[in-house]
C-alpha atoms as a PDB file:
ATOM      1  CA  MET A   1     -85.506 -23.489-214.417  1.00  0.00           C
ATOM      2  CA  ARG A   2     -85.296 -20.027-216.324  1.00  0.00           C
ATOM      3  CA  THR A   3     -86.859 -17.155-213.752  1.00  0.00           C
ATOM      4  CA  THR A   4     -86.692 -13.568-214.380  1.00  0.00           C
ATOM      5  CA  ILE A   5     -85.815 -11.409-210.941  1.00  0.00           C
ATOM      6  CA  ASN A   6     -84.950  -7.955-210.422  1.00  0.00           C
ATOM      7  CA  ILE A   7     -82.064  -7.159-208.605  1.00  0.00           C
ATOM      8  CA  PRO A   8     -80.501  -3.806-207.787  1.00  0.00           C
ATOM      9  CA  ASP A   9     -77.140  -3.811-209.881  1.00  0.00           C
ATOM     10  CA  GLN A  10     -75.231  -2.606-206.761  1.00  0.00           C
ATOM     11  CA  ILE A  11     -76.057  -5.834-204.761  1.00  0.00           C
ATOM     12  CA  ILE A  12     -75.250  -8.170-207.953  1.00  0.00           C
ATOM     13  CA  ASP A  13     -71.676  -6.507-208.301  1.00  0.00           C
ATOM     14  CA  GLN A  14     -71.361  -7.245-204.349  1.00  0.00           C
ATOM     15  CA  LEU A  15     -72.242 -10.626-204.798  1.00  0.00           C
ATOM     16  CA  MET A  16     -70.123 -11.348-207.973  1.00  0.00           C
ATOM     17  CA  SER A  17     -67.302  -9.843-206.045  1.00  0.00           C
ATOM     18  CA  PHE A  18     -67.741 -12.055-202.721  1.00  0.00           C
ATOM     19  CA  SER A  19     -68.746 -15.087-204.733  1.00  0.00           C
ATOM     20  CA  ASN A  20     -65.396 -14.863-207.483  1.00  0.00           C
ATOM     21  CA  SER A  21     -68.054 -15.304-210.267  1.00  0.00           C
ATOM     22  CA  LEU A  22     -67.568 -14.399-213.806  1.00  0.00           C
ATOM     23  CA  THR A  23     -71.356 -14.539-214.404  1.00  0.00           C
ATOM     24  CA  LYS A  24     -74.537 -13.264-212.757  1.00  0.00           C
ATOM     25  CA  THR A  25     -76.221 -16.483-212.936  1.00  0.00           C
ATOM     26  CA  ASP A  26     -73.148 -18.573-211.454  1.00  0.00           C
ATOM     27  CA  ALA A  27     -73.107 -15.683-208.631  1.00  0.00           C
ATOM     28  CA  VAL A  28     -77.025 -16.232-207.526  1.00  0.00           C
ATOM     29  CA  ASN A  29     -76.692 -20.024-207.800  1.00  0.00           C
ATOM     30  CA  LYS A  30     -73.645 -20.145-205.433  1.00  0.00           C
ATOM     31  CA  ALA A  31     -75.519 -17.429-202.821  1.00  0.00           C
ATOM     32  CA  ILE A  32     -78.980 -19.483-203.112  1.00  0.00           C
ATOM     33  CA  LEU A  33     -76.749 -22.945-202.684  1.00  0.00           C
ATOM     34  CA  ASP A  34     -75.272 -21.098-199.421  1.00  0.00           C
ATOM     35  CA  TRP A  35     -78.446 -19.885-198.032  1.00  0.00           C
ATOM     36  CA  VAL A  36     -79.739 -23.441-198.332  1.00  0.00           C
ATOM     37  CA  LYS A  37     -76.661 -24.835-196.591  1.00  0.00           C
ATOM     38  CA  TYR A  38     -77.477 -22.136-193.828  1.00  0.00           C
ATOM     39  CA  LYS A  39     -80.785 -22.960-193.253  1.00  0.00           C
ATOM     40  CA  LYS A  40     -80.200 -26.491-193.106  1.00  0.00           C
ATOM     41  CA  ILE A  41     -77.203 -25.809-190.453  1.00  0.00           C
ATOM     42  CA  GLN A  42     -79.632 -23.617-188.417  1.00  0.00           C
ATOM     43  CA  LYS A  43     -82.130 -26.512-188.169  1.00  0.00           C
ATOM     44  CA  ILE A  44     -79.667 -29.009-186.841  1.00  0.00           C
ATOM     45  CA  LYS A  45     -78.501 -26.733-184.533  1.00  0.00           C
ATOM     46  CA  SER A  46     -82.169 -26.080-183.250  1.00  0.00           C
ATOM     47  CA  LEU A  47     -82.053 -29.820-182.300  1.00  0.00           C
ATOM     48  CA  ARG A  48     -79.087 -29.080-179.875  1.00  0.00           C
ATOM     49  CA  GLY A  49     -80.137 -30.466-176.269  1.00  0.00           C
ATOM     50  CA  LYS A  50     -83.293 -32.483-177.802  1.00  0.00           C
ATOM     51  CA  LEU A  51     -81.449 -35.056-178.491  1.00  0.00           C
ATOM     52  CA  ASP A  52     -79.301 -37.432-176.382  1.00  0.00           C
ATOM     53  CA  ILE A  53     -76.727 -38.209-178.575  1.00  0.00           C
ATOM     54  CA  ASP A  54     -73.669 -38.233-175.982  1.00  0.00           C
ATOM     55  CA  ASN A  55     -75.528 -40.918-174.034  1.00  0.00           C
ATOM     56  CA  ASN A  56     -75.786 -43.282-176.729  1.00  0.00           C
ATOM     57  CA  LEU A  57     -72.390 -42.844-178.105  1.00  0.00           C
ATOM     58  CA  LYS A  58     -70.870 -43.572-174.333  1.00  0.00           C
ATOM     59  CA  ASN A  59     -72.849 -46.788-174.299  1.00  0.00           C
ATOM     60  CA  GLN A  60     -72.313 -48.026-177.817  1.00  0.00           C
ATOM     61  CA  ARG A  61     -68.506 -47.564-177.178  1.00  0.00           C
ATOM     62  CA  LEU A  62     -68.838 -49.214-174.099  1.00  0.00           C
ATOM     63  CA  GLN A  63     -70.773 -52.161-175.915  1.00  0.00           C
ATOM     64  CA  GLU A  64     -68.004 -52.088-178.622  1.00  0.00           C
ATOM     65  CA  ILE A  65     -65.244 -52.990-176.170  1.00  0.00           C
ATOM     66  CA  SER A  66     -67.266 -55.394-174.206  1.00  0.00           C
ATOM     67  CA  GLU A  67     -67.928 -57.169-177.453  1.00  0.00           C
ATOM     68  CA  ILE A  68     -63.867 -56.708-178.332  1.00  0.00           C
ATOM     69  CA  ASN A  69     -62.859 -58.551-174.842  1.00  0.00           C
ATOM     70  CA  GLU A  70     -65.299 -61.608-175.296  1.00  0.00           C
ATOM     71  CA  LEU A  71     -63.707 -62.276-178.808  1.00  0.00           C
ATOM     72  CA  ASN A  72     -60.445 -61.838-177.220  1.00  0.00           C
ATOM     73  CA  LYS A  73     -61.024 -64.467-174.684  1.00  0.00           C
END
């Protein structure tokens, strides 16, 4: 998608430097992708303590060990 945005030259220069980009378009695309990844990580982190994953993993491991022991009999 093509769009027009106004970004101060100093910010674009810093962005291009940090992202090692040769073009402004590439620098902005990398920045947007990084921001999206960051927000996804923040969303996952917000679930911390709300899911009981550890218990489920322990139970699943015990069940797998039991199944393996049954097959070895």
